[in-house]
């Protein structure tokens, strides 16, 4: 048998083995397909439909006309209104809106005097969203016929802009907390996704089968050590972010601890579910990458959530990383408290309970 025949035999054997490995074959097809769809369809750097609020202290027909002109730009989506700027600021901190447009009581006098006639209060922690809203401060204004100035446009900016949480518009302020979510997603899911697979490949699963350990007890026992690993990683990321990039914590450490542990638990439970599906460590790593890529692209870490199509937002809502990006930016950058971000915390806890239950049911203490 010649060298080419021997290589051909090995090649044929590898093709047969690959065709029988359904998980690997699925990843070969799905990973480029998903990436193409995400980059070509879901990822959009042109921000639209940013949720904002209106604070109309003037209560005039002119302010209502300007509100409609702001609405038709399609850059913003006016979702609510507040009576005072303080209420709007609290809503921005809680993440309910990304900005608020405030019309002062003396708006008519400002209009006649050629001054700015309103103020944007903007969540500047996301630089793309902040830039999109900054572009509106110079928008031309066509006012109602019969006003003191008729068709009117200020010679300078139409609005003042107050950028909260990141007035210097530094990109690292937005990146550092989001990076904690991505790194935890990658490491926590990967570590636990190979946990049971490694036990099976090493033959240790037989020892577990002969013990009185129940499936749920085994799952929790696998999770606990990695919780501390995740906490250490968060301390390293945020600690260096503060020392090197000067991104200080605006919230409280207990709130940060609560949201971090909730996300770590969700990621670890997802990793355990993968470990009950994968047959080899290579398959476990492939499935981890299948989750990691959408988490990076759709969670709001790289691209604003508001810039995504509706279908992409539905997919993003199913990813734990999306909820943690909101939580950690809320606590770390805006100084929000856990009770203000409760929907995302509850979602992570419910996700953990459901996925852990499914993983426990899938784990069968047999040699199957």
Protein backbone atom coordinates (compact mmCIF):
# COMPACT_ATOMS: atom_id res chain seq x y z
CA UNK A 1 0.00 0.00 0.00
CA UNK A 2 1.42 3.34 -1.04
CA UNK A 3 1.68 6.46 1.10
CA UNK A 4 -1.21 8.10 -0.76
CA UNK A 5 -3.42 5.08 -0.15
CA UNK A 6 -2.66 5.14 3.56
CA UNK A 7 -3.41 8.87 3.77
CA UNK A 8 -6.57 8.29 1.77
CA UNK A 9 -7.69 5.60 4.19
CA UNK A 10 -7.14 7.92 7.17
CA UNK A 11 -8.97 10.72 5.36
CA UNK A 12 -11.94 8.47 4.60
CA UNK A 13 -12.03 7.39 8.23
CA UNK A 14 -12.08 11.03 9.40
CA UNK A 15 -14.92 11.87 7.01
CA UNK A 16 -16.97 8.94 8.32
CA UNK A 17 -16.28 9.95 11.91
CA UNK A 18 -17.23 13.57 11.18
CA UNK A 19 -20.47 12.51 9.49
CA UNK A 20 -21.43 10.53 12.62
CA UNK A 21 -20.63 13.45 14.93
CA UNK A 22 -23.91 15.30 14.57
CA UNK A 23 -23.02 18.10 17.00
CA UNK A 24 -19.78 18.95 15.20
CA UNK A 25 -21.47 18.75 11.80
CA UNK A 26 -24.24 21.07 13.03
CA UNK A 27 -21.66 23.57 14.31
CA UNK A 28 -19.85 23.49 10.94
CA UNK A 29 -23.06 24.63 9.27
CA UNK A 30 -24.66 26.80 11.96
CA UNK A 31 -21.73 28.93 13.13
CA UNK A 32 -21.06 30.62 9.75
CA UNK A 33 -24.81 30.80 9.08
CA UNK A 34 -25.57 32.49 12.39
CA UNK A 35 -22.64 34.89 12.07
CA UNK A 36 -23.70 35.87 8.54
CA UNK A 37 -27.27 36.55 9.66
CA UNK A 38 -26.16 38.45 12.76
CA UNK A 39 -23.68 40.71 10.99
CA UNK A 40 -25.75 41.15 7.86
CA UNK A 41 -29.18 41.58 9.37
CA UNK A 42 -29.19 42.08 13.13
CA UNK A 43 -26.14 44.28 13.62
CA UNK A 44 -26.81 47.92 12.87
CA UNK A 45 -24.75 50.88 14.06
CA UNK A 46 -27.43 53.39 13.03
CA UNK A 47 -29.35 53.87 16.26
CA UNK A 48 -33.11 54.24 16.01
CA UNK A 49 -36.08 54.17 18.39
CA UNK A 50 -34.16 55.17 21.51
CA UNK A 51 -36.70 55.15 24.39
CA UNK A 52 -37.01 58.64 25.83
CA UNK A 53 -39.34 60.65 28.07
CA UNK A 54 -40.75 64.16 27.81
CA UNK A 55 -40.84 66.66 30.68
CA UNK A 56 -43.03 69.53 29.47
CA UNK A 57 -42.97 72.27 32.11
CA UNK A 58 -44.19 74.90 29.64
CA UNK A 59 -47.37 73.13 28.57
CA UNK A 60 -47.62 75.16 25.37
CA UNK A 61 -48.67 74.34 21.83
CA UNK A 62 -45.11 75.09 20.72
CA UNK A 63 -43.62 72.45 23.01
CA UNK A 64 -46.12 69.89 21.70
CA UNK A 65 -45.22 70.81 18.12
CA UNK A 66 -41.51 70.38 18.85
CA UNK A 67 -42.22 67.03 20.51
CA UNK A 68 -43.84 65.80 17.32
CA UNK A 69 -40.92 67.03 15.25
CA UNK A 70 -38.53 65.13 17.50
CA UNK A 71 -40.70 62.03 17.21
CA UNK A 72 -40.71 61.99 13.40
CA UNK A 73 -36.91 61.92 13.27
CA UNK A 74 -37.26 58.19 14.18
CA UNK A 75 -34.10 58.50 16.23
CA UNK A 76 -36.18 58.38 19.41
CA UNK A 77 -39.28 56.61 20.63
CA UNK A 78 -41.24 58.71 23.14
CA UNK A 79 -42.47 56.11 25.61
CA UNK A 80 -43.60 58.20 28.58
CA UNK A 81 -43.69 61.62 30.21
CA UNK A 82 -42.79 62.93 33.66
CA UNK A 83 -43.81 65.93 35.67
CA UNK A 84 -40.33 66.95 36.85
CA UNK A 85 -36.72 66.56 35.66
CA UNK A 86 -35.95 64.69 38.90
CA UNK A 87 -38.42 61.96 37.96
CA UNK A 88 -36.84 61.72 34.53
CA UNK A 89 -33.35 61.44 36.02
CA UNK A 90 -34.53 58.60 38.28
CA UNK A 91 -35.98 56.81 35.25
CA UNK A 92 -32.67 57.17 33.40
CA UNK A 93 -30.79 55.72 36.38
CA UNK A 94 -33.20 52.78 36.50
CA UNK A 95 -32.77 52.17 32.78
CA UNK A 96 -36.45 52.78 31.99
CA UNK A 97 -35.51 55.42 29.39
CA UNK A 98 -32.23 56.43 27.80
CA UNK A 99 -32.89 60.16 27.78
CA UNK A 100 -35.43 62.88 28.57
CA UNK A 101 -36.29 66.09 26.72
CA UNK A 102 -37.10 68.92 29.15
CA UNK A 103 -39.02 72.03 28.13
CA UNK A 104 -38.61 74.79 30.76
CA UNK A 105 -41.42 77.01 31.98
CA UNK A 106 -39.87 80.06 30.29
CA UNK A 107 -39.58 78.35 26.92
CA UNK A 108 -41.55 81.11 25.14
CA UNK A 109 -39.22 83.82 26.45
CA UNK A 110 -36.21 81.72 25.45
CA UNK A 111 -37.69 81.28 21.98
CA UNK A 112 -38.15 85.04 21.52
CA UNK A 113 -34.66 85.76 22.83
CA UNK A 114 -33.00 83.27 20.47
CA UNK A 115 -31.78 81.02 23.28
CA UNK A 116 -31.83 77.26 23.50
CA UNK A 117 -35.42 76.24 24.16
CA UNK A 118 -34.96 72.92 25.93
CA UNK A 119 -32.49 70.45 27.40
CA UNK A 120 -31.68 66.83 26.72
CA UNK A 121 -30.86 64.69 29.76
CA UNK A 122 -28.94 61.77 28.25
CA UNK A 123 -27.58 58.47 29.55
CA UNK A 124 -24.04 58.94 28.26
CA UNK A 125 -22.78 55.54 29.44
CA UNK A 126 -23.50 54.17 25.94
CA UNK A 127 -21.44 56.31 23.57
CA UNK A 128 -23.39 55.32 20.43
CA UNK A 129 -26.71 56.27 21.99
CA UNK A 130 -25.20 59.48 23.33
CA UNK A 131 -23.85 60.42 19.91
CA UNK A 132 -27.21 59.80 18.25
CA UNK A 133 -28.96 62.07 20.73
CA UNK A 134 -26.26 64.72 20.55
CA UNK A 135 -27.04 65.05 16.85
CA UNK A 136 -30.56 66.24 17.74
CA UNK A 137 -29.41 69.34 19.57
CA UNK A 138 -28.90 71.18 16.28
CA UNK A 139 -32.06 69.95 14.58
CA UNK A 140 -34.04 72.67 12.72
CA UNK A 141 -37.38 73.54 14.30
CA UNK A 142 -40.47 74.53 12.34
CA UNK A 143 -42.82 76.11 14.87
CA UNK A 144 -46.54 76.78 14.72
CA UNK A 145 -47.86 79.63 12.59
CA UNK A 146 -48.96 82.45 14.84
CA UNK A 147 -46.15 82.13 17.40
CA UNK A 148 -44.12 85.27 18.20
CA UNK A 149 -41.44 84.24 15.70
CA UNK A 150 -43.43 82.23 13.17
CA UNK A 151 -41.12 79.73 11.47
CA UNK A 152 -38.19 79.68 13.82
CA UNK A 153 -34.77 78.22 14.26
CA UNK A 154 -32.23 79.19 16.87
CA UNK A 155 -28.99 80.62 15.45
CA UNK A 156 -27.05 78.16 17.62
CA UNK A 157 -28.01 74.77 19.06
CA UNK A 158 -31.73 74.26 19.57
CA UNK A 159 -31.17 72.28 22.78
CA UNK A 160 -28.68 72.02 25.58
CA UNK A 161 -27.38 68.51 26.31
CA UNK A 162 -26.42 67.08 29.71
CA UNK A 163 -24.52 63.79 29.37
CA UNK A 164 -24.86 61.81 32.60
CA UNK A 165 -22.38 59.18 33.83
CA UNK A 166 -19.88 59.73 31.01
CA UNK A 167 -19.65 63.43 30.10
CA UNK A 168 -16.26 62.92 28.43
CA UNK A 169 -17.76 60.22 26.16
CA UNK A 170 -14.93 57.78 26.89
CA UNK A 171 -15.50 54.39 25.24
CA UNK A 172 -13.80 52.48 28.06
CA UNK A 173 -16.53 53.57 30.46
CA UNK A 174 -19.00 51.60 28.36
CA UNK A 175 -16.67 48.70 27.57
CA UNK A 176 -15.26 47.72 30.98
CA UNK A 177 -18.52 46.66 32.71
CA UNK A 178 -19.79 45.00 29.53
CA UNK A 179 -16.53 43.10 29.20
CA UNK A 180 -17.21 41.50 32.58
CA UNK A 181 -20.41 40.03 31.14
CA UNK A 182 -18.68 38.63 28.05
CA UNK A 183 -15.73 37.13 29.94
CA UNK A 184 -18.04 35.51 32.49
CA UNK A 185 -20.21 34.12 29.70
CA UNK A 186 -17.21 32.55 28.02
CA UNK A 187 -15.47 31.13 31.08
CA UNK A 188 -18.43 30.08 33.22
CA UNK A 189 -20.24 28.23 30.43
CA UNK A 190 -17.02 26.68 29.14
CA UNK A 191 -15.83 25.49 32.55
CA UNK A 192 -19.06 23.77 33.44
CA UNK A 193 -19.92 22.55 29.95
CA UNK A 194 -16.91 20.24 30.07
CA UNK A 195 -17.44 19.21 33.71
CA UNK A 196 -19.60 16.10 33.28
CA UNK A 197 -18.04 15.36 29.90
CA UNK A 198 -14.61 15.26 31.49
CA UNK A 199 -15.89 12.92 34.21
CA UNK A 200 -17.31 10.65 31.51
CA UNK A 201 -14.13 10.65 29.41
CA UNK A 202 -11.94 9.90 32.42
CA UNK A 203 -14.19 7.07 33.55
CA UNK A 204 -15.08 8.79 36.80
CA UNK A 205 -18.78 8.68 35.97
CA UNK A 206 -18.87 5.04 37.08
CA UNK A 207 -17.70 6.08 40.54
CA UNK A 208 -20.42 8.73 40.72
CA UNK A 209 -23.02 6.17 39.72
CA UNK A 210 -22.11 3.93 42.65
CA UNK A 211 -22.44 6.77 45.18
CA UNK A 212 -25.69 7.95 46.81
CA UNK A 213 -25.24 11.42 45.27
CA UNK A 214 -28.46 12.62 43.68
CA UNK A 215 -28.47 14.42 40.30
CA UNK A 216 -29.43 17.79 41.81
CA UNK A 217 -26.76 17.44 44.50
CA UNK A 218 -24.20 16.65 41.83
CA UNK A 219 -25.23 19.66 39.76
CA UNK A 220 -25.02 22.08 42.69
CA UNK A 221 -21.73 20.56 43.79
CA UNK A 222 -20.36 21.22 40.31
CA UNK A 223 -21.57 24.82 40.38
CA UNK A 224 -20.30 26.07 43.75
CA UNK A 225 -16.52 26.14 43.09
CA UNK A 226 -16.98 28.06 39.85
CA UNK A 227 -19.09 30.71 41.57
CA UNK A 228 -15.95 31.78 43.43
CA UNK A 229 -13.94 31.61 40.21
CA UNK A 230 -16.42 33.97 38.58
CA UNK A 231 -16.31 36.39 41.52
CA UNK A 232 -12.52 36.50 41.32
CA UNK A 233 -12.72 37.27 37.60
CA UNK A 234 -15.16 40.13 38.19
CA UNK A 235 -12.90 41.58 40.89
CA UNK A 236 -9.94 41.45 38.49
CA UNK A 237 -11.84 43.02 35.56
CA UNK A 238 -13.52 45.82 37.48
CA UNK A 239 -10.51 46.41 39.73
CA UNK A 240 -8.18 46.88 36.78
CA UNK A 241 -10.85 48.91 35.01
CA UNK A 242 -10.84 51.33 37.91
CA UNK A 243 -7.08 51.45 38.36
CA UNK A 244 -6.01 51.51 34.71
CA UNK A 245 -8.94 53.16 32.92
CA UNK A 246 -10.42 55.19 35.78
CA UNK A 247 -13.91 53.68 35.59
CA UNK A 248 -15.13 53.94 39.21
CA UNK A 249 -18.08 52.14 40.75
CA UNK A 250 -21.06 54.48 41.08
CA UNK A 251 -23.32 52.03 42.90
CA UNK A 252 -22.96 49.91 46.03
CA UNK A 253 -20.95 46.72 46.41
CA UNK A 254 -23.87 44.66 47.81
CA UNK A 255 -25.94 45.48 44.73
CA UNK A 256 -23.02 44.57 42.48
CA UNK A 257 -22.57 41.27 44.34
CA UNK A 258 -26.25 40.32 43.99
CA UNK A 259 -26.41 40.84 40.24
CA UNK A 260 -23.03 39.17 39.67
CA UNK A 261 -23.92 36.02 41.59
CA UNK A 262 -27.28 35.84 39.79
CA UNK A 263 -25.57 35.99 36.40
CA UNK A 264 -22.84 33.53 37.36
CA UNK A 265 -25.49 31.05 38.48
CA UNK A 266 -27.39 31.46 35.20
CA UNK A 267 -24.24 30.94 33.12
CA UNK A 268 -23.12 27.92 35.13
CA UNK A 269 -26.51 26.24 34.87
CA UNK A 270 -26.43 26.76 31.10
CA UNK A 271 -22.97 25.20 31.00
CA UNK A 272 -24.24 22.18 32.92
CA UNK A 273 -27.10 21.76 30.47
CA UNK A 274 -24.59 21.71 27.63
CA UNK A 275 -22.53 19.09 29.47
CA UNK A 276 -25.55 16.77 29.52
CA UNK A 277 -25.90 17.09 25.72
CA UNK A 278 -22.27 17.02 24.56
CA UNK A 279 -20.51 13.67 24.27
CA UNK A 280 -16.95 15.05 24.13
CA UNK A 281 -15.12 18.10 25.40
CA UNK A 282 -14.70 19.32 21.81
CA UNK A 283 -18.47 19.27 21.35
CA UNK A 284 -18.90 21.13 24.63
CA UNK A 285 -16.52 23.86 23.47
CA UNK A 286 -18.27 24.11 20.10
CA UNK A 287 -21.65 24.56 21.75
CA UNK A 288 -20.16 27.15 24.08
CA UNK A 289 -18.96 29.17 21.08
CA UNK A 290 -22.43 28.87 19.57
CA UNK A 291 -23.80 30.73 22.60
CA UNK A 292 -20.85 33.10 23.05
CA UNK A 293 -21.03 34.70 19.59
CA UNK A 294 -24.67 35.87 19.90
CA UNK A 295 -23.93 36.99 23.45
CA UNK A 296 -21.17 39.29 22.19
CA UNK A 297 -23.16 40.67 19.26
CA UNK A 298 -26.69 40.91 20.65
CA UNK A 299 -26.30 41.65 24.35
CA UNK A 300 -25.68 45.36 23.86
CA UNK A 301 -21.97 45.00 24.61
CA UNK A 302 -20.79 46.03 21.13
CA UNK A 303 -23.91 47.40 19.45
CA UNK A 304 -26.83 49.28 21.02
CA UNK A 305 -29.85 47.16 21.78
CA UNK A 306 -32.08 49.86 20.29
CA UNK A 307 -30.35 49.55 16.89
CA UNK A 308 -31.37 45.90 16.47
CA UNK A 309 -34.44 44.68 14.56
CA UNK A 310 -37.30 43.28 16.60
CA UNK A 311 -36.46 39.62 15.86
CA UNK A 312 -32.87 40.15 17.01
CA UNK A 313 -34.16 41.72 20.23
CA UNK A 314 -36.26 38.62 20.90
CA UNK A 315 -33.17 36.46 20.56
CA UNK A 316 -31.20 38.87 22.75
CA UNK A 317 -33.81 38.68 25.50
CA UNK A 318 -33.23 34.92 25.75
CA UNK A 319 -29.52 35.39 26.47
CA UNK A 320 -28.42 35.85 30.11
CA UNK A 321 -25.64 38.20 28.96
CA UNK A 322 -28.18 40.74 27.70
CA UNK A 323 -29.75 41.06 31.13
CA UNK A 324 -26.41 41.21 32.92
CA UNK A 325 -25.09 43.94 30.62
CA UNK A 326 -28.09 46.04 31.61
CA UNK A 327 -27.63 45.21 35.28
CA UNK A 328 -23.92 45.83 35.59
CA UNK A 329 -24.04 49.07 33.60
CA UNK A 330 -26.96 50.17 35.72
CA UNK A 331 -25.23 49.48 39.03
CA UNK A 332 -21.65 50.21 38.05
CA UNK A 333 -22.11 53.27 35.83
CA UNK A 334 -25.44 54.81 36.82
CA UNK A 335 -25.50 53.95 40.53
CA UNK A 336 -28.81 52.10 40.27
CA UNK A 337 -30.01 49.84 43.08
CA UNK A 338 -31.19 46.25 42.73
CA UNK A 339 -34.84 47.09 43.35
CA UNK A 340 -34.72 49.48 40.37
CA UNK A 341 -33.45 46.69 38.12
CA UNK A 342 -35.60 43.92 39.57
CA UNK A 343 -37.08 42.56 36.27
CA UNK A 344 -33.66 41.57 34.95
CA UNK A 345 -32.62 40.05 38.29
CA UNK A 346 -35.82 37.99 38.46
CA UNK A 347 -35.28 36.84 34.87
CA UNK A 348 -31.78 35.56 35.69
CA UNK A 349 -32.98 33.72 38.79
CA UNK A 350 -35.88 32.13 36.91
CA UNK A 351 -33.54 31.15 34.06
CA UNK A 352 -31.20 29.48 36.53
CA UNK A 353 -34.01 27.50 38.17
CA UNK A 354 -35.50 26.31 34.87
CA UNK A 355 -32.24 25.38 33.17
CA UNK A 356 -30.87 23.68 36.28
CA UNK A 357 -34.06 21.61 36.53
CA UNK A 358 -33.77 20.58 32.88
CA UNK A 359 -30.09 19.69 33.31
CA UNK A 360 -30.92 17.63 36.38
CA UNK A 361 -33.60 15.68 34.52
CA UNK A 362 -31.24 15.04 31.63
CA UNK A 363 -28.52 13.71 33.85
CA UNK A 364 -29.08 9.98 34.07
CA UNK A 365 -26.98 8.02 36.54
CA UNK A 366 -26.40 5.15 34.17
CA UNK A 367 -23.61 4.15 31.81
CA UNK A 368 -25.80 4.90 28.78
